[in-house]
C-alpha atoms as a PDB file:
ATOM      1  CA  MET A   1      28.152  20.894 -57.741  1.00  0.00           C
ATOM      2  CA  LEU A   2      29.132  17.519 -56.424  1.00  0.00           C
ATOM      3  CA  VAL A   3      29.471  17.196 -52.528  1.00  0.00           C
ATOM      4  CA  PRO A   4      32.067  14.624 -50.983  1.00  0.00           C
ATOM      5  CA  SER A   5      30.703  11.893 -49.823  1.00  0.00           C
ATOM      6  CA  SER A   6      33.404  12.140 -46.742  1.00  0.00           C
ATOM      7  CA  TRP A   7      31.991  15.472 -46.269  1.00  0.00           C
ATOM      8  CA  MET A   8      28.241  14.422 -45.844  1.00  0.00           C
ATOM      9  CA  MET A   9      29.284  11.592 -43.864  1.00  0.00           C
ATOM     10  CA  HIS A  10      30.836  13.754 -41.388  1.00  0.00           C
ATOM     11  CA  VAL A  11      27.272  15.871 -41.183  1.00  0.00           C
ATOM     12  CA  VAL A  12      24.987  13.076 -40.937  1.00  0.00           C
ATOM     13  CA  ARG A  13      26.866  10.939 -38.337  1.00  0.00           C
ATOM     14  CA  PRO A  14      26.160  13.221 -35.801  1.00  0.00           C
ATOM     15  CA  VAL A  15      22.778  13.786 -36.725  1.00  0.00           C
ATOM     16  CA  VAL A  16      21.849   9.993 -36.540  1.00  0.00           C
ATOM     17  CA  VAL A  17      23.828   9.979 -33.106  1.00  0.00           C
ATOM     18  CA  LEU A  18      21.648  12.828 -31.811  1.00  0.00           C
ATOM     19  CA  LEU A  19      18.802  11.381 -33.028  1.00  0.00           C
ATOM     20  CA  CYS A  20      19.024   7.991 -30.977  1.00  0.00           C
ATOM     21  CA  PHE A  21      20.518   9.933 -28.122  1.00  0.00           C
ATOM     22  CA  LEU A  22      17.404  11.901 -28.016  1.00  0.00           C
ATOM     23  CA  LEU A  23      15.138   8.976 -28.118  1.00  0.00           C
ATOM     24  CA  CYS A  24      16.868   6.372 -25.822  1.00  0.00           C
ATOM     25  CA  ALA A  25      16.280   9.460 -23.382  1.00  0.00           C
ATOM     26  CA  ASP A  26      12.596   9.153 -23.459  1.00  0.00           C
ATOM     27  CA  ALA A  27      12.760   5.249 -23.877  1.00  0.00           C
ATOM     28  CA  GLU A  28      10.919   3.161 -20.900  1.00  0.00           C
ATOM     29  CA  THR A  29      12.530   0.937 -18.909  1.00  0.00           C
ATOM     30  CA  PRO A  30      10.765  -2.201 -17.354  1.00  0.00           C
ATOM     31  CA  PRO A  31      10.780  -2.248 -13.140  1.00  0.00           C
ATOM     32  CA  LYS A  32      14.164  -3.238 -11.831  1.00  0.00           C
ATOM     33  CA  PHE A  33      14.715  -4.127  -8.158  1.00  0.00           C
ATOM     34  CA  THR A  34      17.208  -2.158  -5.956  1.00  0.00           C
ATOM     35  CA  ARG A  35      15.981  -3.935  -2.578  1.00  0.00           C
ATOM     36  CA  THR A  36      14.015  -6.702  -2.044  1.00  0.00           C
ATOM     37  CA  PRO A  37      12.562  -8.403   1.961  1.00  0.00           C
ATOM     38  CA  VAL A  38      14.363 -10.785   3.050  1.00  0.00           C
ATOM     39  CA  ASP A  39      13.173 -13.762   4.881  1.00  0.00           C
ATOM     40  CA  GLN A  40      12.405 -12.798   8.630  1.00  0.00           C
ATOM     41  CA  THR A  41      11.831 -14.937  11.834  1.00  0.00           C
ATOM     42  CA  GLY A  42      10.127 -13.147  14.538  1.00  0.00           C
ATOM     43  CA  VAL A  43       8.193 -13.426  18.260  1.00  0.00           C
ATOM     44  CA  SER A  44       4.552 -13.703  18.457  1.00  0.00           C
ATOM     45  CA  GLY A  45       3.134  -9.846  19.610  1.00  0.00           C
ATOM     46  CA  GLY A  46       6.238  -8.445  17.775  1.00  0.00           C
ATOM     47  CA  VAL A  47       6.644  -6.977  14.666  1.00  0.00           C
ATOM     48  CA  ALA A  48       8.243  -7.529  11.465  1.00  0.00           C
ATOM     49  CA  SER A  49       9.192  -4.729   8.989  1.00  0.00           C
ATOM     50  CA  PHE A  50       9.435  -5.909   5.101  1.00  0.00           C
ATOM     51  CA  ILE A  51      11.591  -3.720   2.480  1.00  0.00           C
ATOM     52  CA  CYS A  52      11.186  -3.397  -1.512  1.00  0.00           C
ATOM     53  CA  GLN A  53      12.617  -0.945  -3.826  1.00  0.00           C
ATOM     54  CA  ALA A  54      13.005  -0.668  -7.849  1.00  0.00           C
ATOM     55  CA  THR A  55      13.479   1.655 -10.497  1.00  0.00           C
ATOM     56  CA  GLY A  56      12.023   2.173 -13.952  1.00  0.00           C
ATOM     57  CA  ASP A  57      10.579   4.363 -16.486  1.00  0.00           C
ATOM     58  CA  PRO A  58       7.234   5.088 -15.229  1.00  0.00           C
ATOM     59  CA  ARG A  59       8.633   4.613 -12.074  1.00  0.00           C
ATOM     60  CA  PRO A  60       6.993   1.456 -10.455  1.00  0.00           C
ATOM     61  CA  LYS A  61       3.953   0.870  -8.071  1.00  0.00           C
ATOM     62  CA  ILE A  62       5.005  -1.309  -5.428  1.00  0.00           C
ATOM     63  CA  VAL A  63       2.197  -3.358  -4.171  1.00  0.00           C
ATOM     64  CA  TRP A  64       2.343  -6.244  -1.352  1.00  0.00           C
ATOM     65  CA  ASN A  65       0.814  -9.663  -1.633  1.00  0.00           C
ATOM     66  CA  LYS A  66       0.410 -12.202   0.619  1.00  0.00           C
ATOM     67  CA  LYS A  67      -0.742 -16.271  -0.586  1.00  0.00           C
ATOM     68  CA  GLY A  68      -1.451 -14.081  -4.004  1.00  0.00           C
ATOM     69  CA  LYS A  69      -3.632 -11.210  -2.608  1.00  0.00           C
ATOM     70  CA  LYS A  70      -2.920  -7.518  -2.042  1.00  0.00           C
ATOM     71  CA  VAL A  71      -2.535  -7.691   1.905  1.00  0.00           C
ATOM     72  CA  SER A  72      -5.437  -6.277   3.441  1.00  0.00           C
ATOM     73  CA  ASN A  73      -5.907  -6.314   7.434  1.00  0.00           C
ATOM     74  CA  GLN A  74      -5.395  -3.257  10.640  1.00  0.00           C
ATOM     75  CA  ARG A  75      -2.452  -5.433  11.761  1.00  0.00           C
ATOM     76  CA  PHE A  76      -0.464  -4.647   8.219  1.00  0.00           C
ATOM     77  CA  GLU A  77       0.783  -1.436   7.295  1.00  0.00           C
ATOM     78  CA  VAL A  78       2.459  -0.226   4.237  1.00  0.00           C
ATOM     79  CA  ILE A  79       4.795   2.942   4.568  1.00  0.00           C
ATOM     80  CA  GLU A  80       6.301   4.452   1.382  1.00  0.00           C
ATOM     81  CA  PHE A  81       9.172   6.163   0.730  1.00  0.00           C
ATOM     82  CA  ASP A  82       9.398   9.951   0.456  1.00  0.00           C
ATOM     83  CA  ASP A  83      10.505   9.765  -3.135  1.00  0.00           C
ATOM     84  CA  GLY A  84       8.480   6.916  -4.635  1.00  0.00           C
ATOM     85  CA  SER A  85      11.296   4.526  -4.573  1.00  0.00           C
ATOM     86  CA  GLY A  86       9.307   1.496  -3.234  1.00  0.00           C
ATOM     87  CA  SER A  87       7.711   0.725  -0.289  1.00  0.00           C
ATOM     88  CA  VAL A  88       7.811  -0.828   3.750  1.00  0.00           C
ATOM     89  CA  LEU A  89       5.263  -3.297   5.196  1.00  0.00           C
ATOM     90  CA  ARG A  90       4.963  -3.505   8.236  1.00  0.00           C
ATOM     91  CA  ILE A  91       2.974  -5.891  10.605  1.00  0.00           C
ATOM     92  CA  GLN A  92       2.342  -5.377  14.147  1.00  0.00           C
ATOM     93  CA  PRO A  93       0.833  -7.284  16.464  1.00  0.00           C
ATOM     94  CA  LEU A  94       2.645 -10.869  14.692  1.00  0.00           C
ATOM     95  CA  ARG A  95       0.166 -13.690  15.157  1.00  0.00           C
ATOM     96  CA  THR A  96       0.987 -17.219  14.900  1.00  0.00           C
ATOM     97  CA  PRO A  97       0.112 -19.119  13.418  1.00  0.00           C
ATOM     98  CA  ARG A  98      -2.104 -16.437  10.655  1.00  0.00           C
ATOM     99  CA  ASP A  99       0.626 -14.519   9.835  1.00  0.00           C
ATOM    100  CA  GLU A 100       3.072 -17.088   8.675  1.00  0.00           C
ATOM    101  CA  ALA A 101       2.856 -16.957   4.450  1.00  0.00           C
ATOM    102  CA  ILE A 102       5.051 -16.297   1.856  1.00  0.00           C
ATOM    103  CA  TYR A 103       4.778 -12.898   1.060  1.00  0.00           C
ATOM    104  CA  GLU A 104       5.169 -11.078  -2.353  1.00  0.00           C
ATOM    105  CA  CYS A 105       6.184  -7.577  -3.410  1.00  0.00           C
ATOM    106  CA  VAL A 106       5.202  -6.805  -7.130  1.00  0.00           C
ATOM    107  CA  ALA A 107       7.239  -4.065  -8.859  1.00  0.00           C
ATOM    108  CA  SER A 108       5.017  -2.419 -12.289  1.00  0.00           C
ATOM    109  CA  ASN A 109       4.727  -0.627 -14.238  1.00  0.00           C
ATOM    110  CA  SER A 110       3.406   0.321 -18.623  1.00  0.00           C
ATOM    111  CA  VAL A 111       6.252  -1.696 -19.616  1.00  0.00           C
ATOM    112  CA  GLY A 112       6.593  -5.010 -17.274  1.00  0.00           C
ATOM    113  CA  GLU A 113       5.847  -6.630 -14.211  1.00  0.00           C
ATOM    114  CA  ILE A 114       8.631  -8.205 -11.912  1.00  0.00           C
ATOM    115  CA  SER A 115       7.975  -9.953  -8.297  1.00  0.00           C
ATOM    116  CA  VAL A 116       9.914 -10.933  -5.258  1.00  0.00           C
ATOM    117  CA  SER A 117       9.196 -13.543  -2.516  1.00  0.00           C
ATOM    118  CA  THR A 118       9.944 -13.636   1.005  1.00  0.00           C
ATOM    119  CA  ARG A 119       9.020 -16.166   4.098  1.00  0.00           C
ATOM    120  CA  LEU A 120       7.904 -15.134   7.607  1.00  0.00           C
ATOM    121  CA  THR A 121       8.225 -17.431  10.398  1.00  0.00           C
ATOM    122  CA  VAL A 122       6.369 -16.576  14.000  1.00  0.00           C
ATOM    123  CA  LEU A 123       7.299 -18.235  16.844  1.00  0.00           C
ATOM    124  CA  ARG A 124       5.755 -18.806  20.480  1.00  0.00           C
ATOM    125  CA  GLU A 125       7.384 -17.996  23.420  1.00  0.00           C
ATOM    126  CA  ASP A 126       8.000 -21.494  23.643  1.00  0.00           C
ATOM    127  CA  GLN A 127       9.765 -21.815  20.757  1.00  0.00           C
ATOM    128  CA  ILE A 128      12.016 -19.031  21.003  1.00  0.00           C
ATOM    129  CA  PRO A 129      15.682 -20.852  20.209  1.00  0.00           C
ATOM    130  CA  ARG A 130      18.630 -20.553  22.536  1.00  0.00           C
ATOM    131  CA  GLY A 131      20.651 -17.557  21.020  1.00  0.00           C
ATOM    132  CA  PHE A 132      18.032 -15.618  20.029  1.00  0.00           C
ATOM    133  CA  PRO A 133      18.764 -12.228  19.305  1.00  0.00           C
ATOM    134  CA  THR A 134      17.146 -10.027  22.202  1.00  0.00           C
ATOM    135  CA  ILE A 135      16.763  -6.075  22.839  1.00  0.00           C
ATOM    136  CA  ASP A 136      18.840  -5.685  26.157  1.00  0.00           C
ATOM    137  CA  MET A 137      18.944  -1.393  25.611  1.00  0.00           C
ATOM    138  CA  GLY A 138      16.442   0.414  23.302  1.00  0.00           C
ATOM    139  CA  PRO A 139      16.686   4.237  22.682  1.00  0.00           C
ATOM    140  CA  GLN A 140      15.169   6.372  24.861  1.00  0.00           C
ATOM    141  CA  LEU A 141      12.732   9.470  24.024  1.00  0.00           C
ATOM    142  CA  LYS A 142      14.808  12.864  23.422  1.00  0.00           C
ATOM    143  CA  VAL A 143      13.865  15.881  23.888  1.00  0.00           C
ATOM    144  CA  VAL A 144      17.091  18.407  21.824  1.00  0.00           C
ATOM    145  CA  GLU A 145      17.368  21.819  21.290  1.00  0.00           C
ATOM    146  CA  ARG A 146      17.293  23.056  17.247  1.00  0.00           C
ATOM    147  CA  THR A 147      20.763  22.902  15.806  1.00  0.00           C
ATOM    148  CA  ARG A 148      22.265  20.671  18.869  1.00  0.00           C
ATOM    149  CA  THR A 149      23.429  16.899  18.388  1.00  0.00           C
ATOM    150  CA  ALA A 150      21.371  13.915  19.188  1.00  0.00           C
ATOM    151  CA  THR A 151      22.565  10.470  20.017  1.00  0.00           C
ATOM    152  CA  MET A 152      20.524   7.674  20.756  1.00  0.00           C
ATOM    153  CA  LEU A 153      21.701   4.023  21.850  1.00  0.00           C
ATOM    154  CA  CYS A 154      20.801   0.511  21.349  1.00  0.00           C
ATOM    155  CA  ALA A 155      22.234  -2.576  23.099  1.00  0.00           C
ATOM    156  CA  ALA A 156      21.448  -5.917  21.835  1.00  0.00           C
ATOM    157  CA  SER A 157      22.858  -9.845  22.744  1.00  0.00           C
ATOM    158  CA  GLY A 158      22.139 -13.169  20.770  1.00  0.00           C
ATOM    159  CA  ASN A 159      24.165 -15.654  19.233  1.00  0.00           C
ATOM    160  CA  PRO A 160      25.338 -15.213  16.675  1.00  0.00           C
ATOM    161  CA  ASP A 161      26.261 -11.282  17.363  1.00  0.00           C
ATOM    162  CA  PRO A 162      22.656  -9.884  15.794  1.00  0.00           C
ATOM    163  CA  GLU A 163      22.950  -7.002  13.588  1.00  0.00           C
ATOM    164  CA  ILE A 164      20.942  -3.803  14.203  1.00  0.00           C
ATOM    165  CA  SER A 165      18.896  -1.315  12.287  1.00  0.00           C
ATOM    166  CA  TRP A 166      17.055   1.927  12.974  1.00  0.00           C
ATOM    167  CA  PHE A 167      14.222   3.189  11.395  1.00  0.00           C
ATOM    168  CA  LYS A 168      12.700   6.557  11.325  1.00  0.00           C
ATOM    169  CA  ASP A 169       9.288   7.058  11.171  1.00  0.00           C
ATOM    170  CA  PHE A 170       9.358   3.006  10.239  1.00  0.00           C
ATOM    171  CA  LEU A 171      11.350   4.118   7.349  1.00  0.00           C
ATOM    172  CA  PRO A 172      14.818   2.510   7.135  1.00  0.00           C
ATOM    173  CA  VAL A 173      17.351   5.002   7.850  1.00  0.00           C
ATOM    174  CA  ASP A 174      19.902   5.971   5.070  1.00  0.00           C
ATOM    175  CA  THR A 175      22.801   6.551   7.354  1.00  0.00           C
ATOM    176  CA  SER A 176      24.840   7.213   3.392  1.00  0.00           C
ATOM    177  CA  ASN A 177      22.448  10.148   2.223  1.00  0.00           C
ATOM    178  CA  ASN A 178      21.536  12.167   4.483  1.00  0.00           C
ATOM    179  CA  ASN A 179      24.695  14.924   4.313  1.00  0.00           C
ATOM    180  CA  GLY A 180      26.322  13.647   7.384  1.00  0.00           C
ATOM    181  CA  ARG A 181      23.647  14.639   9.390  1.00  0.00           C
ATOM    182  CA  ILE A 182      22.982  11.468  10.686  1.00  0.00           C
ATOM    183  CA  LYS A 183      25.751   8.703  11.336  1.00  0.00           C
ATOM    184  CA  GLN A 184      25.805   5.627  13.027  1.00  0.00           C
ATOM    185  CA  LEU A 185      28.220   4.079  15.289  1.00  0.00           C
ATOM    186  CA  ARG A 186      29.398   1.181  17.137  1.00  0.00           C
ATOM    187  CA  SER A 187      30.830   0.899  20.509  1.00  0.00           C
ATOM    188  CA  GLU A 188      32.019  -2.678  22.228  1.00  0.00           C
ATOM    189  CA  SER A 189      30.343  -1.967  24.948  1.00  0.00           C
ATOM    190  CA  ILE A 190      27.278  -0.966  24.519  1.00  0.00           C
ATOM    191  CA  GLY A 191      26.307  -1.178  21.129  1.00  0.00           C
ATOM    192  CA  LYS A 192      25.456   0.866  18.660  1.00  0.00           C
ATOM    193  CA  CYS A 193      24.682   4.273  18.552  1.00  0.00           C
ATOM    194  CA  LEU A 194      22.564   6.743  16.269  1.00  0.00           C
ATOM    195  CA  VAL A 195      24.007  10.165  16.230  1.00  0.00           C
ATOM    196  CA  LEU A 196      21.765  13.195  14.733  1.00  0.00           C
ATOM    197  CA  LYS A 197      23.988  16.245  14.294  1.00  0.00           C
ATOM    198  CA  ARG A 198      22.569  20.014  13.987  1.00  0.00           C
ATOM    199  CA  THR A 199      19.015  18.294  14.345  1.00  0.00           C
ATOM    200  CA  SER A 200      16.458  20.890  12.848  1.00  0.00           C
ATOM    201  CA  PRO A 201      12.710  21.123  12.346  1.00  0.00           C
ATOM    202  CA  PRO A 202      11.174  18.929  10.943  1.00  0.00           C
ATOM    203  CA  LEU A 203      12.771  16.433  13.077  1.00  0.00           C
ATOM    204  CA  ILE A 204       9.937  15.245  15.663  1.00  0.00           C
ATOM    205  CA  SER A 205       9.938  11.420  14.590  1.00  0.00           C
ATOM    206  CA  ILE A 206      10.086   7.836  16.007  1.00  0.00           C
ATOM    207  CA  PHE A 207      13.095   5.744  15.405  1.00  0.00           C
ATOM    208  CA  LYS A 208      12.869   1.796  16.089  1.00  0.00           C
ATOM    209  CA  ILE A 209      14.898  -0.793  15.977  1.00  0.00           C
END
């Protein structure tokens, strides 16, 4: 008995599509940056934080290099994101001229490797230009009852107006992915506020700007 070719096509095509879907779903992918570090200018004795995140399958490993060599110094700290998506290179206190360099974020997995570079400039106190950002009011230590709302204030001045970023335990605060618990507001008279709603353990953390 002959089977109509049209019927065979209807059977084979879904099987081929399903097989392709399964193979594609298990396919490994090379690293791809989702956030790259930006050039920074800091002051001697201050702090600099560079952020680097990447995706890929397997999950990429992030390594920080300075002048082609992996960073290794007591003043250099690498803090990894909880989800393993990347890390923050934190340098404190800054030293001039030894910390002035090109830093490199390298993301690699079994499929490939990519890198991106950023520059750090460190100024002495007598080199600070007019209009350089200054913190006029920094966040204060707070003790808040569980389930209550905490508000932290920060004000900075400079020309042009500086952007304020918040860090929790040295990692950048993501105000868009926390179920509305953390919000960043702006006041023309004060500056930027970080509002933490319904605080609950574990929220014993260090917030910095």
